[in-house]
Amino acid sequence: MAPHAQHNANHFATSSEHPADYSKANHHSTRHVDSSLDSDASQRHEPLRVHVERVVRQYFAMLGDEMPTDLYELILKQIEEPLLSVVLEKTRGNQTKCAQILGLNRGTLRKKLKTYDLM
């Protein structure tokens, strides 16, 4: 992967994790990705799939001819952590209920919670 693509791929994966840690250039990229989710009030009623598609298309446009690697994993991490966090909060920390809601085995849920330091 070209250095620019790797930088953008890394940034895409971490853009919302530690925003204060990024340079102005990275901050601009973060704003680009984040603003696409909030840019139009009417878009807030669209399905999540539409938002994800829009952000991924904008990400590729930002990269130009460069191609990222591990994009699937990068996107899943951005979605999975807040999903786990919100459902765990909704179930007041009850991992069995959380696993049922998510359709996961409780052991799989625990592994994911440890991965994201949510337990």
Protein backbone atom coordinates (compact mmCIF):
# COMPACT_ATOMS: atom_id res chain seq x y z
CA MET A 1 0.00 0.00 0.00
CA ALA A 2 1.25 3.47 -0.81
CA PRO A 3 2.24 5.53 2.26
CA HIS A 4 -0.58 8.05 1.68
CA ALA A 5 -3.17 5.26 1.46
CA GLN A 6 -1.82 3.62 4.61
CA HIS A 7 -1.99 6.95 6.46
CA ASN A 8 -5.59 7.47 5.36
CA ALA A 9 -6.53 3.88 6.15
CA ASN A 10 -5.05 4.21 9.62
CA HIS A 11 -6.79 7.53 10.07
CA PHE A 12 -10.11 6.10 8.86
CA ALA A 13 -9.85 3.38 11.49
CA THR A 14 -9.02 5.72 14.33
CA SER A 15 -10.66 9.00 13.38
CA SER A 16 -13.12 8.97 16.26
CA GLU A 17 -11.00 7.15 18.84
CA HIS A 18 -8.58 9.91 19.90
CA PRO A 19 -9.33 13.09 17.96
CA ALA A 20 -7.09 15.27 20.12
CA ASP A 21 -4.04 13.21 19.13
CA TYR A 22 -4.12 14.08 15.43
CA SER A 23 -2.36 16.79 13.48
CA LYS A 24 -4.24 19.47 11.55
CA ALA A 25 -4.04 17.36 8.38
CA ASN A 26 -5.53 14.39 10.15
CA HIS A 27 -8.12 16.60 11.80
CA HIS A 28 -9.19 17.82 8.36
CA SER A 29 -9.65 14.22 7.22
CA THR A 30 -11.60 13.43 10.38
CA ARG A 31 -13.88 16.37 9.75
CA HIS A 32 -14.40 15.13 6.20
CA VAL A 33 -15.51 11.68 7.36
CA ASP A 34 -17.48 12.91 10.37
CA SER A 35 -19.23 15.75 8.54
CA SER A 36 -20.55 13.34 5.96
CA LEU A 37 -22.60 11.71 8.70
CA ASP A 38 -24.07 14.98 9.96
CA SER A 39 -24.15 17.16 6.85
CA ASP A 40 -27.89 17.20 6.18
CA ALA A 41 -30.76 16.89 8.64
CA SER A 42 -32.82 14.91 6.11
CA GLN A 43 -30.02 12.33 5.90
CA ARG A 44 -30.44 11.48 9.56
CA HIS A 45 -33.56 9.52 8.68
CA GLU A 46 -31.79 7.36 6.11
CA PRO A 47 -30.82 3.79 6.95
CA LEU A 48 -27.36 3.24 8.42
CA ARG A 49 -26.40 1.40 5.25
CA VAL A 50 -26.83 4.61 3.24
CA HIS A 51 -24.60 6.55 5.65
CA VAL A 52 -21.91 3.86 5.56
CA GLU A 53 -22.00 3.74 1.77
CA ARG A 54 -21.66 7.52 1.55
CA VAL A 55 -18.68 7.61 3.92
CA VAL A 56 -16.90 4.75 2.13
CA ARG A 57 -17.39 6.44 -1.26
CA GLN A 58 -16.05 9.72 0.13
CA TYR A 59 -13.11 7.88 1.64
CA PHE A 60 -12.21 6.38 -1.76
CA ALA A 61 -12.62 9.77 -3.41
CA MET A 62 -10.23 11.23 -0.84
CA LEU A 63 -7.66 8.52 -1.63
CA GLY A 64 -7.77 9.08 -5.38
CA ASP A 65 -5.92 6.26 -7.17
CA GLU A 66 -4.45 4.78 -4.00
CA MET A 67 -6.09 1.66 -2.57
CA PRO A 68 -6.25 0.83 1.14
CA THR A 69 -5.89 -2.65 2.61
CA ASP A 70 -7.91 -4.14 5.45
CA LEU A 71 -10.78 -1.73 4.82
CA TYR A 72 -13.33 -4.35 5.88
CA GLU A 73 -11.68 -4.72 9.29
CA LEU A 74 -11.30 -0.96 9.68
CA ILE A 75 -14.99 -0.35 9.09
CA LEU A 76 -16.12 -3.22 11.30
CA LYS A 77 -14.08 -1.86 14.20
CA GLN A 78 -15.71 1.55 13.79
CA ILE A 79 -19.18 0.02 13.95
CA GLU A 80 -18.68 -2.87 16.37
CA GLU A 81 -17.28 -1.00 19.36
CA PRO A 82 -20.12 1.55 19.71
CA LEU A 83 -22.68 -1.18 18.98
CA LEU A 84 -21.34 -3.33 21.81
CA SER A 85 -21.08 -0.35 24.13
CA VAL A 86 -24.64 0.87 23.56
CA VAL A 87 -26.25 -2.57 23.83
CA LEU A 88 -24.25 -3.34 26.97
CA GLU A 89 -25.38 -0.02 28.43
CA LYS A 90 -29.00 -0.74 27.45
CA THR A 91 -28.84 -4.10 29.23
CA ARG A 92 -27.20 -2.45 32.27
CA GLY A 93 -24.11 -4.61 31.85
CA ASN A 94 -25.99 -7.91 31.60
CA GLN A 95 -23.79 -9.83 29.19
CA THR A 96 -26.28 -12.66 28.70
CA LYS A 97 -29.01 -10.23 27.60
CA CYS A 98 -26.50 -8.29 25.51
CA ALA A 99 -25.41 -11.48 23.73
CA GLN A 100 -29.05 -12.43 23.08
CA ILE A 101 -29.87 -9.02 21.60
CA LEU A 102 -26.80 -9.16 19.35
CA GLY A 103 -27.33 -12.80 18.40
CA LEU A 104 -23.90 -13.75 19.71
CA ASN A 105 -22.66 -16.55 21.88
CA ARG A 106 -21.87 -15.16 25.35
CA GLY A 107 -18.24 -16.31 25.06
CA THR A 108 -17.89 -14.49 21.73
CA LEU A 109 -19.39 -11.37 23.28
CA ARG A 110 -16.93 -11.51 26.19
CA LYS A 111 -14.01 -11.85 23.77
CA LYS A 112 -15.21 -8.81 21.82
CA LEU A 113 -15.76 -6.80 25.01
CA LYS A 114 -12.19 -7.58 26.08
CA THR A 115 -10.89 -6.60 22.63
CA TYR A 116 -12.43 -3.14 23.00
CA ASP A 117 -11.67 -2.89 26.73
CA LEU A 118 -15.39 -2.70 27.56
CA MET A 119 -15.28 -5.01 30.58
